[in-house]
Every structure is written in structure tokens, then in C-alpha cells.
């Protein structure tokens, strides 16, 4: 599983100019089963996405296709972790530690 942390690198007006395309990109990735949750950070200086079911190379490709990335308005920090425990509703996302 991955935590994708976005940090805005441009004025909020430039972020907002790319927002609709970013939302459409998010919806596409939800439909593909890649994203579990996403939202703005508080204060609004970026966002967070939870992603699962793919390898790091795929995550990096998807992040590179984000309209925010293409517009040059954010940087991503990608953190991979093994979700060995979850809430019951997320049981399908539980992972096993590598042996």
C-alpha cells in the first residue's frame, strides 16, 4: 500500500486552475481500483492519497500522469508500507509481510 503526499509548489490559483482535471484523474484511478481515499491537507498546502494493489513503478507512472504534476504545481512524496492490520471494512486490503 502507498501513501501519496502532495505538497503544492505553486500559488493556489495555479493549483485551482488544474483542479478539475486532477479530480477527473482521481476518478479514473478510483475506477481502476488503484485509489482507496484522497483529500486535501489542512491547512490546504497539498493533499494525501491512499493507493493499493500495484507496485511502486506503477504508482510512479500514475503520479507522473496527474494533471497537477503535468502543470508543475505539486511535488509527490511516495511512502510504501505493508498494511498488516486494517479496520474490518478494509479487510480486503490487508497484506502479509514478505518472508
PDB file of N, CA and C in Angstrom:
ATOM      1  N   UNK A   1       0.860  -1.167   0.000  1.00  0.00           N
ATOM      2  CA  UNK A   1       0.000   0.000   0.000  1.00  0.00           C
ATOM      3  C   UNK A   1       0.905   1.229   0.000  1.00  0.00           C
ATOM      4  N   UNK A   2       0.354   2.332  -0.470  1.00  0.00           N
ATOM      5  CA  UNK A   2       1.147   3.555  -0.590  1.00  0.00           C
ATOM      6  C   UNK A   2       0.393   4.753  -0.022  1.00  0.00           C
ATOM      7  N   UNK A   3       1.145   5.634   0.606  1.00  0.00           N
ATOM      8  CA  UNK A   3       0.663   6.962   0.970  1.00  0.00           C
ATOM      9  C   UNK A   3       1.321   7.919  -0.009  1.00  0.00           C
ATOM     10  N   UNK A   4       0.507   8.637  -0.756  1.00  0.00           N
ATOM     11  CA  UNK A   4       0.998   9.624  -1.716  1.00  0.00           C
ATOM     12  C   UNK A   4       0.706  10.996  -1.119  1.00  0.00           C
ATOM     13  N   UNK A   5       1.754  11.706  -0.746  1.00  0.00           N
ATOM     14  CA  UNK A   5       1.579  13.029  -0.151  1.00  0.00           C
ATOM     15  C   UNK A   5       1.971  14.088  -1.169  1.00  0.00           C
ATOM     16  N   UNK A   6       1.011  14.940  -1.502  1.00  0.00           N
ATOM     17  CA  UNK A   6       1.239  16.041  -2.430  1.00  0.00           C
ATOM     18  C   UNK A   6       1.523  17.301  -1.627  1.00  0.00           C
ATOM     19  N   UNK A   7       2.505  18.063  -2.064  1.00  0.00           N
ATOM     20  CA  UNK A   7       2.778  19.379  -1.498  1.00  0.00           C
ATOM     21  C   UNK A   7       2.750  20.371  -2.645  1.00  0.00           C
ATOM     22  N   UNK A   8       1.914  21.389  -2.513  1.00  0.00           N
ATOM     23  CA  UNK A   8       1.813  22.397  -3.569  1.00  0.00           C
ATOM     24  C   UNK A   8       3.108  23.195  -3.659  1.00  0.00           C
ATOM     25  N   UNK A   9       3.531  23.445  -4.890  1.00  0.00           N
ATOM     26  CA  UNK A   9       4.761  24.200  -5.140  1.00  0.00           C
ATOM     27  C   UNK A   9       4.473  25.476  -5.927  1.00  0.00           C
ATOM     28  N   UNK A  10       3.200  25.780  -6.104  1.00  0.00           N
ATOM     29  CA  UNK A  10       2.777  26.948  -6.881  1.00  0.00           C
ATOM     30  C   UNK A  10       1.664  27.658  -6.122  1.00  0.00           C
ATOM     31  N   UNK A  11       1.383  28.896  -6.467  1.00  0.00           N
ATOM     32  CA  UNK A  11       0.270  29.603  -5.828  1.00  0.00           C
ATOM     33  C   UNK A  11      -1.044  28.840  -6.015  1.00  0.00           C
ATOM     34  N   UNK A  12      -1.924  28.973  -5.036  1.00  0.00           N
ATOM     35  CA  UNK A  12      -3.192  28.234  -5.034  1.00  0.00           C
ATOM     36  C   UNK A  12      -4.019  28.507  -6.287  1.00  0.00           C
ATOM     37  N   UNK A  13      -3.872  29.671  -6.876  1.00  0.00           N
ATOM     38  CA  UNK A  13      -4.615  29.985  -8.108  1.00  0.00           C
ATOM     39  C   UNK A  13      -4.198  29.044  -9.244  1.00  0.00           C
ATOM     40  N   UNK A  14      -2.930  28.711  -9.321  1.00  0.00           N
ATOM     41  CA  UNK A  14      -2.458  27.756 -10.346  1.00  0.00           C
ATOM     42  C   UNK A  14      -2.936  26.343 -10.031  1.00  0.00           C
ATOM     43  N   UNK A  15      -2.963  25.996  -8.741  1.00  0.00           N
ATOM     44  CA  UNK A  15      -3.495  24.689  -8.330  1.00  0.00           C
ATOM     45  C   UNK A  15      -4.960  24.601  -8.741  1.00  0.00           C
ATOM     46  N   UNK A  16      -5.733  25.628  -8.408  1.00  0.00           N
ATOM     47  CA  UNK A  16      -7.160  25.628  -8.739  1.00  0.00           C
ATOM     48  C   UNK A  16      -7.407  25.554 -10.243  1.00  0.00           C
ATOM     49  N   UNK A  17      -6.518  26.109 -11.038  1.00  0.00           N
ATOM     50  CA  UNK A  17      -6.681  26.069 -12.490  1.00  0.00           C
ATOM     51  C   UNK A  17      -6.581  24.639 -13.023  1.00  0.00           C
ATOM     52  N   UNK A  18      -5.863  23.768 -12.318  1.00  0.00           N
ATOM     53  CA  UNK A  18      -5.712  22.368 -12.739  1.00  0.00           C
ATOM     54  C   UNK A  18      -6.611  21.420 -11.946  1.00  0.00           C
ATOM     55  N   UNK A  19      -7.417  21.953 -11.033  1.00  0.00           N
ATOM     56  CA  UNK A  19      -8.173  21.124 -10.102  1.00  0.00           C
ATOM     57  C   UNK A  19      -9.177  20.208 -10.791  1.00  0.00           C
ATOM     58  N   UNK A  20      -9.955  20.701 -11.744  1.00  0.00           N
ATOM     59  CA  UNK A  20     -10.974  19.864 -12.388  1.00  0.00           C
ATOM     60  C   UNK A  20     -10.332  18.669 -13.093  1.00  0.00           C
ATOM     61  N   UNK A  21      -9.230  18.897 -13.795  1.00  0.00           N
ATOM     62  CA  UNK A  21      -8.537  17.780 -14.452  1.00  0.00           C
ATOM     63  C   UNK A  21      -7.968  16.811 -13.426  1.00  0.00           C
ATOM     64  N   UNK A  22      -7.483  17.333 -12.313  1.00  0.00           N
ATOM     65  CA  UNK A  22      -6.957  16.482 -11.237  1.00  0.00           C
ATOM     66  C   UNK A  22      -8.078  15.596 -10.681  1.00  0.00           C
ATOM     67  N   UNK A  23      -9.255  16.168 -10.453  1.00  0.00           N
ATOM     68  CA  UNK A  23     -10.402  15.407  -9.938  1.00  0.00           C
ATOM     69  C   UNK A  23     -10.800  14.317 -10.933  1.00  0.00           C
ATOM     70  N   UNK A  24     -10.808  14.624 -12.214  1.00  0.00           N
ATOM     71  CA  UNK A  24     -11.122  13.616 -13.228  1.00  0.00           C
ATOM     72  C   UNK A  24     -10.087  12.496 -13.219  1.00  0.00           C
ATOM     73  N   UNK A  25      -8.823  12.831 -13.039  1.00  0.00           N
ATOM     74  CA  UNK A  25      -7.750  11.841 -12.927  1.00  0.00           C
ATOM     75  C   UNK A  25      -7.967  10.960 -11.702  1.00  0.00           C
ATOM     76  N   UNK A  26      -8.320  11.574 -10.563  1.00  0.00           N
ATOM     77  CA  UNK A  26      -8.621  10.803  -9.358  1.00  0.00           C
ATOM     78  C   UNK A  26      -9.744   9.804  -9.619  1.00  0.00           C
ATOM     79  N   UNK A  27     -10.820  10.265 -10.254  1.00  0.00           N
ATOM     80  CA  UNK A  27     -11.962   9.394 -10.531  1.00  0.00           C
ATOM     81  C   UNK A  27     -11.565   8.214 -11.412  1.00  0.00           C
ATOM     82  N   UNK A  28     -10.694   8.460 -12.385  1.00  0.00           N
ATOM     83  CA  UNK A  28     -10.209   7.390 -13.253  1.00  0.00           C
ATOM     84  C   UNK A  28      -9.435   6.349 -12.446  1.00  0.00           C
ATOM     85  N   UNK A  29      -8.612   6.805 -11.513  1.00  0.00           N
ATOM     86  CA  UNK A  29      -7.811   5.886 -10.710  1.00  0.00           C
ATOM     87  C   UNK A  29      -8.665   5.142  -9.679  1.00  0.00           C
ATOM     88  N   UNK A  30      -9.712   5.780  -9.150  1.00  0.00           N
ATOM     89  CA  UNK A  30     -10.665   5.061  -8.297  1.00  0.00           C
ATOM     90  C   UNK A  30     -11.341   3.953  -9.106  1.00  0.00           C
ATOM     91  N   UNK A  31     -11.784   4.273 -10.311  1.00  0.00           N
ATOM     92  CA  UNK A  31     -12.465   3.293 -11.169  1.00  0.00           C
ATOM     93  C   UNK A  31     -11.543   2.124 -11.515  1.00  0.00           C
ATOM     94  N   UNK A  32     -10.248   2.381 -11.635  1.00  0.00           N
ATOM     95  CA  UNK A  32      -9.279   1.332 -11.933  1.00  0.00           C
ATOM     96  C   UNK A  32      -8.953   0.487 -10.700  1.00  0.00           C
ATOM     97  N   UNK A  33      -9.433   0.916  -9.521  1.00  0.00           N
ATOM     98  CA  UNK A  33      -9.175   0.182  -8.289  1.00  0.00           C
ATOM     99  C   UNK A  33      -7.845   0.507  -7.638  1.00  0.00           C
ATOM    100  N   UNK A  34      -7.212   1.589  -8.076  1.00  0.00           N
ATOM    101  CA  UNK A  34      -5.896   1.946  -7.541  1.00  0.00           C
ATOM    102  C   UNK A  34      -5.964   2.783  -6.266  1.00  0.00           C
ATOM    103  N   UNK A  35      -6.968   3.634  -6.136  1.00  0.00           N
ATOM    104  CA  UNK A  35      -7.045   4.553  -5.001  1.00  0.00           C
ATOM    105  C   UNK A  35      -8.137   4.125  -4.033  1.00  0.00           C
ATOM    106  N   UNK A  36      -7.861   4.306  -2.732  1.00  0.00           N
ATOM    107  CA  UNK A  36      -8.795   3.959  -1.664  1.00  0.00           C
ATOM    108  C   UNK A  36      -9.436   5.214  -1.081  1.00  0.00           C
ATOM    109  N   UNK A  37      -8.640   6.267  -0.912  1.00  0.00           N
ATOM    110  CA  UNK A  37      -9.117   7.518  -0.317  1.00  0.00           C
ATOM    111  C   UNK A  37      -8.192   8.643  -0.748  1.00  0.00           C
ATOM    112  N   UNK A  38      -8.740   9.860  -0.755  1.00  0.00           N
ATOM    113  CA  UNK A  38      -7.943  11.042  -1.102  1.00  0.00           C
ATOM    114  C   UNK A  38      -8.600  12.271  -0.504  1.00  0.00           C
ATOM    115  N   UNK A  39      -7.787  13.290  -0.263  1.00  0.00           N
ATOM    116  CA  UNK A  39      -8.347  14.540   0.224  1.00  0.00           C
ATOM    117  C   UNK A  39      -7.275  15.588   0.447  1.00  0.00           C
ATOM    118  N   UNK A  40      -7.740  16.802   0.719  1.00  0.00           N
ATOM    119  CA  UNK A  40      -6.853  17.941   0.971  1.00  0.00           C
ATOM    120  C   UNK A  40      -6.244  17.850   2.356  1.00  0.00           C
ATOM    121  N   UNK A  41      -5.025  18.364   2.472  1.00  0.00           N
ATOM    122  CA  UNK A  41      -4.425  18.531   3.790  1.00  0.00           C
ATOM    123  C   UNK A  41      -5.007  19.800   4.414  1.00  0.00           C
ATOM    124  N   UNK A  42      -4.950  19.855   5.737  1.00  0.00           N
ATOM    125  CA  UNK A  42      -5.380  21.024   6.486  1.00  0.00           C
ATOM    126  C   UNK A  42      -4.172  21.505   7.279  1.00  0.00           C
ATOM    127  N   UNK A  43      -3.656  22.703   7.004  1.00  0.00           N
ATOM    128  CA  UNK A  43      -4.159  23.686   6.049  1.00  0.00           C
ATOM    129  C   UNK A  43      -3.950  23.206   4.610  1.00  0.00           C
ATOM    130  N   UNK A  44      -4.595  23.896   3.681  1.00  0.00           N
ATOM    131  CA  UNK A  44      -4.596  23.485   2.274  1.00  0.00           C
ATOM    132  C   UNK A  44      -3.260  23.832   1.603  1.00  0.00           C
ATOM    133  N   UNK A  45      -2.277  22.970   1.857  1.00  0.00           N
ATOM    134  CA  UNK A  45      -0.986  23.140   1.204  1.00  0.00           C
ATOM    135  C   UNK A  45      -0.606  21.887   0.406  1.00  0.00           C
ATOM    136  N   UNK A  46      -1.601  21.037   0.167  1.00  0.00           N
ATOM    137  CA  UNK A  46      -1.383  19.810  -0.579  1.00  0.00           C
ATOM    138  C   UNK A  46      -2.502  18.832  -0.328  1.00  0.00           C
ATOM    139  N   UNK A  47      -2.198  17.555  -0.509  1.00  0.00           N
ATOM    140  CA  UNK A  47      -3.204  16.521  -0.324  1.00  0.00           C
ATOM    141  C   UNK A  47      -2.555  15.189  -0.008  1.00  0.00           C
ATOM    142  N   UNK A  48      -3.413  14.189   0.242  1.00  0.00           N
ATOM    143  CA  UNK A  48      -2.978  12.839   0.549  1.00  0.00           C
ATOM    144  C   UNK A  48      -3.854  11.867  -0.211  1.00  0.00           C
ATOM    145  N   UNK A  49      -3.237  10.823  -0.764  1.00  0.00           N
ATOM    146  CA  UNK A  49      -3.951   9.752  -1.457  1.00  0.00           C
ATOM    147  C   UNK A  49      -3.472   8.433  -0.880  1.00  0.00           C
ATOM    148  N   UNK A  50      -4.404   7.522  -0.584  1.00  0.00           N
ATOM    149  CA  UNK A  50      -4.060   6.147  -0.233  1.00  0.00           C
ATOM    150  C   UNK A  50      -4.256   5.292  -1.464  1.00  0.00           C
ATOM    151  N   UNK A  51      -3.237   4.543  -1.835  1.00  0.00           N
ATOM    152  CA  UNK A  51      -3.266   3.721  -3.047  1.00  0.00           C
ATOM    153  C   UNK A  51      -2.880   2.288  -2.703  1.00  0.00           C
ATOM    154  N   UNK A  52      -3.446   1.328  -3.437  1.00  0.00           N
ATOM    155  CA  UNK A  52      -3.159  -0.079  -3.157  1.00  0.00           C
ATOM    156  C   UNK A  52      -3.285  -0.909  -4.428  1.00  0.00           C
ATOM    157  N   UNK A  53      -2.754  -2.127  -4.342  1.00  0.00           N
ATOM    158  CA  UNK A  53      -2.948  -3.095  -5.398  1.00  0.00           C
ATOM    159  C   UNK A  53      -2.019  -2.961  -6.591  1.00  0.00           C
ATOM    160  N   UNK A  54      -0.888  -2.304  -6.408  1.00  0.00           N
ATOM    161  CA  UNK A  54       0.052  -2.143  -7.520  1.00  0.00           C
ATOM    162  C   UNK A  54       1.466  -2.019  -6.978  1.00  0.00           C
ATOM    163  N   UNK A  55       2.427  -2.089  -7.882  1.00  0.00           N
ATOM    164  CA  UNK A  55       3.823  -1.962  -7.472  1.00  0.00           C
ATOM    165  C   UNK A  55       4.272  -0.506  -7.565  1.00  0.00           C
ATOM    166  N   UNK A  56       5.459  -0.246  -7.048  1.00  0.00           N
ATOM    167  CA  UNK A  56       5.965   1.134  -6.996  1.00  0.00           C
ATOM    168  C   UNK A  56       6.112   1.747  -8.386  1.00  0.00           C
ATOM    169  N   UNK A  57       6.579   0.971  -9.358  1.00  0.00           N
ATOM    170  CA  UNK A  57       6.746   1.505 -10.711  1.00  0.00           C
ATOM    171  C   UNK A  57       5.409   1.989 -11.271  1.00  0.00           C
ATOM    172  N   UNK A  58       4.341   1.253 -10.997  1.00  0.00           N
ATOM    173  CA  UNK A  58       3.013   1.666 -11.465  1.00  0.00           C
ATOM    174  C   UNK A  58       2.561   2.931 -10.751  1.00  0.00           C
ATOM    175  N   UNK A  59       2.799   2.992  -9.449  1.00  0.00           N
ATOM    176  CA  UNK A  59       2.455   4.200  -8.681  1.00  0.00           C
ATOM    177  C   UNK A  59       3.195   5.406  -9.253  1.00  0.00           C
ATOM    178  N   UNK A  60       4.471   5.254  -9.528  1.00  0.00           N
ATOM    179  CA  UNK A  60       5.254   6.365 -10.064  1.00  0.00           C
ATOM    180  C   UNK A  60       4.735   6.795 -11.434  1.00  0.00           C
ATOM    181  N   UNK A  61       4.314   5.843 -12.261  1.00  0.00           N
ATOM    182  CA  UNK A  61       3.746   6.176 -13.571  1.00  0.00           C
ATOM    183  C   UNK A  61       2.437   6.944 -13.404  1.00  0.00           C
ATOM    184  N   UNK A  62       1.584   6.481 -12.501  1.00  0.00           N
ATOM    185  CA  UNK A  62       0.288   7.135 -12.270  1.00  0.00           C
ATOM    186  C   UNK A  62       0.496   8.558 -11.756  1.00  0.00           C
ATOM    187  N   UNK A  63       1.418   8.736 -10.801  1.00  0.00           N
ATOM    188  CA  UNK A  63       1.709  10.065 -10.250  1.00  0.00           C
ATOM    189  C   UNK A  63       2.216  11.000 -11.351  1.00  0.00           C
ATOM    190  N   UNK A  64       3.022  10.470 -12.252  1.00  0.00           N
ATOM    191  CA  UNK A  64       3.551  11.288 -13.352  1.00  0.00           C
ATOM    192  C   UNK A  64       2.447  11.753 -14.301  1.00  0.00           C
ATOM    193  N   UNK A  65       1.320  11.041 -14.316  1.00  0.00           N
ATOM    194  CA  UNK A  65       0.191  11.399 -15.189  1.00  0.00           C
ATOM    195  C   UNK A  65      -0.798  12.361 -14.532  1.00  0.00           C
ATOM    196  N   UNK A  66      -0.619  12.645 -13.246  1.00  0.00           N
ATOM    197  CA  UNK A  66      -1.523  13.564 -12.536  1.00  0.00           C
ATOM    198  C   UNK A  66      -1.439  14.946 -13.189  1.00  0.00           C
ATOM    199  N   UNK A  67      -2.578  15.540 -13.532  1.00  0.00           N
ATOM    200  CA  UNK A  67      -2.558  16.889 -14.094  1.00  0.00           C
ATOM    201  C   UNK A  67      -1.850  17.911 -13.197  1.00  0.00           C
ATOM    202  N   UNK A  68      -1.864  17.717 -11.888  1.00  0.00           N
ATOM    203  CA  UNK A  68      -1.101  18.599 -11.010  1.00  0.00           C
ATOM    204  C   UNK A  68       0.394  18.468 -11.295  1.00  0.00           C
ATOM    205  N   UNK A  69       0.869  17.235 -11.505  1.00  0.00           N
ATOM    206  CA  UNK A  69       2.275  17.019 -11.845  1.00  0.00           C
ATOM    207  C   UNK A  69       2.588  17.658 -13.186  1.00  0.00           C
ATOM    208  N   UNK A  70       1.733  17.404 -14.169  1.00  0.00           N
ATOM    209  CA  UNK A  70       1.954  17.931 -15.519  1.00  0.00           C
ATOM    210  C   UNK A  70       1.943  19.457 -15.547  1.00  0.00           C
ATOM    211  N   UNK A  71       1.128  20.063 -14.660  1.00  0.00           N
ATOM    212  CA  UNK A  71       1.066  21.524 -14.587  1.00  0.00           C
ATOM    213  C   UNK A  71       2.199  22.106 -13.732  1.00  0.00           C
ATOM    214  N   UNK A  72       2.955  21.237 -13.083  1.00  0.00           N
ATOM    215  CA  UNK A  72       4.072  21.705 -12.257  1.00  0.00           C
ATOM    216  C   UNK A  72       3.650  22.434 -10.999  1.00  0.00           C
ATOM    217  N   UNK A  73       2.521  22.022 -10.402  1.00  0.00           N
ATOM    218  CA  UNK A  73       2.025  22.728  -9.220  1.00  0.00           C
ATOM    219  C   UNK A  73       2.197  21.949  -7.924  1.00  0.00           C
ATOM    220  N   UNK A  74       2.765  20.746  -8.002  1.00  0.00           N
ATOM    221  CA  UNK A  74       2.970  19.977  -6.780  1.00  0.00           C
ATOM    222  C   UNK A  74       4.157  19.042  -6.920  1.00  0.00           C
ATOM    223  N   UNK A  75       4.617  18.579  -5.766  1.00  0.00           N
ATOM    224  CA  UNK A  75       5.614  17.523  -5.692  1.00  0.00           C
ATOM    225  C   UNK A  75       4.979  16.386  -4.902  1.00  0.00           C
ATOM    226  N   UNK A  76       5.354  15.159  -5.231  1.00  0.00           N
ATOM    227  CA  UNK A  76       4.850  13.985  -4.530  1.00  0.00           C
ATOM    228  C   UNK A  76       5.926  13.379  -3.639  1.00  0.00           C
ATOM    229  N   UNK A  77       5.503  12.919  -2.489  1.00  0.00           N
ATOM    230  CA  UNK A  77       6.315  12.052  -1.631  1.00  0.00           C
ATOM    231  C   UNK A  77       5.572  10.726  -1.586  1.00  0.00           C
ATOM    232  N   UNK A  78       6.225   9.654  -2.023  1.00  0.00           N
ATOM    233  CA  UNK A  78       5.601   8.338  -2.089  1.00  0.00           C
ATOM    234  C   UNK A  78       6.176   7.473  -0.968  1.00  0.00           C
ATOM    235  N   UNK A  79       5.299   7.005  -0.080  1.00  0.00           N
ATOM    236  CA  UNK A  79       5.704   6.140   1.023  1.00  0.00           C
ATOM    237  C   UNK A  79       4.988   4.805   0.891  1.00  0.00           C
ATOM    238  N   UNK A  80       5.772   3.743   0.777  1.00  0.00           N
ATOM    239  CA  UNK A  80       5.192   2.400   0.709  1.00  0.00           C
ATOM    240  C   UNK A  80       5.200   1.786   2.105  1.00  0.00           C
ATOM    241  N   UNK A  81       4.111   1.076   2.444  1.00  0.00           N
ATOM    242  CA  UNK A  81       4.071   0.356   3.713  1.00  0.00           C
ATOM    243  C   UNK A  81       3.261  -0.922   3.526  1.00  0.00           C
ATOM    244  N   UNK A  82       3.431  -1.847   4.455  1.00  0.00           N
ATOM    245  CA  UNK A  82       2.709  -3.115   4.421  1.00  0.00           C
ATOM    246  C   UNK A  82       1.561  -3.011   5.424  1.00  0.00           C
ATOM    247  N   UNK A  83       0.333  -2.990   4.923  1.00  0.00           N
ATOM    248  CA  UNK A  83      -0.862  -2.822   5.759  1.00  0.00           C
ATOM    249  C   UNK A  83      -1.266  -4.177   6.352  1.00  0.00           C
ATOM    250  N   UNK A  84      -0.615  -4.553   7.445  1.00  0.00           N
ATOM    251  CA  UNK A  84      -0.892  -5.849   8.055  1.00  0.00           C
ATOM    252  C   UNK A  84      -2.153  -5.848   8.912  1.00  0.00           C
ATOM    253  N   UNK A  85      -2.585  -4.661   9.330  1.00  0.00           N
ATOM    254  CA  UNK A  85      -3.834  -4.556  10.078  1.00  0.00           C
ATOM    255  C   UNK A  85      -4.661  -3.429   9.475  1.00  0.00           C
ATOM    256  N   UNK A  86      -5.975  -3.625   9.489  1.00  0.00           N
ATOM    257  CA  UNK A  86      -6.900  -2.635   8.949  1.00  0.00           C
ATOM    258  C   UNK A  86      -8.191  -2.655   9.753  1.00  0.00           C
ATOM    259  N   UNK A  87      -9.025  -1.657   9.523  1.00  0.00           N
ATOM    260  CA  UNK A  87     -10.390  -1.696  10.028  1.00  0.00           C
ATOM    261  C   UNK A  87     -11.113  -2.834   9.311  1.00  0.00           C
ATOM    262  N   UNK A  88     -12.143  -3.410   9.914  1.00  0.00           N
ATOM    263  CA  UNK A  88     -12.849  -4.510   9.270  1.00  0.00           C
ATOM    264  C   UNK A  88     -13.320  -4.188   7.851  1.00  0.00           C
ATOM    265  N   UNK A  89     -13.764  -2.972   7.617  1.00  0.00           N
ATOM    266  CA  UNK A  89     -14.264  -2.601   6.282  1.00  0.00           C
ATOM    267  C   UNK A  89     -13.165  -2.619   5.220  1.00  0.00           C
ATOM    268  N   UNK A  90     -11.914  -2.572   5.642  1.00  0.00           N
ATOM    269  CA  UNK A  90     -10.783  -2.569   4.705  1.00  0.00           C
ATOM    270  C   UNK A  90     -10.028  -3.899   4.698  1.00  0.00           C
ATOM    271  N   UNK A  91     -10.648  -4.928   5.209  1.00  0.00           N
ATOM    272  CA  UNK A  91     -10.001  -6.232   5.320  1.00  0.00           C
ATOM    273  C   UNK A  91      -9.410  -6.710   3.995  1.00  0.00           C
ATOM    274  N   UNK A  92     -10.055  -6.403   2.892  1.00  0.00           N
ATOM    275  CA  UNK A  92      -9.568  -6.823   1.585  1.00  0.00           C
ATOM    276  C   UNK A  92      -8.232  -6.215   1.203  1.00  0.00           C
ATOM    277  N   UNK A  93      -7.803  -5.182   1.930  1.00  0.00           N
ATOM    278  CA  UNK A  93      -6.523  -4.522   1.634  1.00  0.00           C
ATOM    279  C   UNK A  93      -5.386  -4.994   2.545  1.00  0.00           C
ATOM    280  N   UNK A  94      -5.681  -5.907   3.469  1.00  0.00           N
ATOM    281  CA  UNK A  94      -4.635  -6.395   4.370  1.00  0.00           C
ATOM    282  C   UNK A  94      -3.555  -7.113   3.573  1.00  0.00           C
ATOM    283  N   UNK A  95      -2.309  -6.921   4.033  1.00  0.00           N
ATOM    284  CA  UNK A  95      -1.162  -7.500   3.346  1.00  0.00           C
ATOM    285  C   UNK A  95      -0.362  -8.365   4.301  1.00  0.00           C
ATOM    286  N   UNK A  96       0.424  -9.252   3.742  1.00  0.00           N
ATOM    287  CA  UNK A  96       1.324 -10.108   4.507  1.00  0.00           C
ATOM    288  C   UNK A  96       2.735  -9.548   4.416  1.00  0.00           C
ATOM    289  N   UNK A  97       3.452  -9.623   5.508  1.00  0.00           N
ATOM    290  CA  UNK A  97       4.854  -9.229   5.496  1.00  0.00           C
ATOM    291  C   UNK A  97       5.625 -10.181   4.589  1.00  0.00           C
ATOM    292  N   UNK A  98       6.588  -9.651   3.832  1.00  0.00           N
ATOM    293  CA  UNK A  98       7.397 -10.546   2.999  1.00  0.00           C
ATOM    294  C   UNK A  98       8.226 -11.464   3.891  1.00  0.00           C
ATOM    295  N   UNK A  99       8.461 -12.664   3.415  1.00  0.00           N
ATOM    296  CA  UNK A  99       9.236 -13.605   4.241  1.00  0.00           C
ATOM    297  C   UNK A  99      10.714 -13.535   3.935  1.00  0.00           C
TER     298      UNK A  99
END
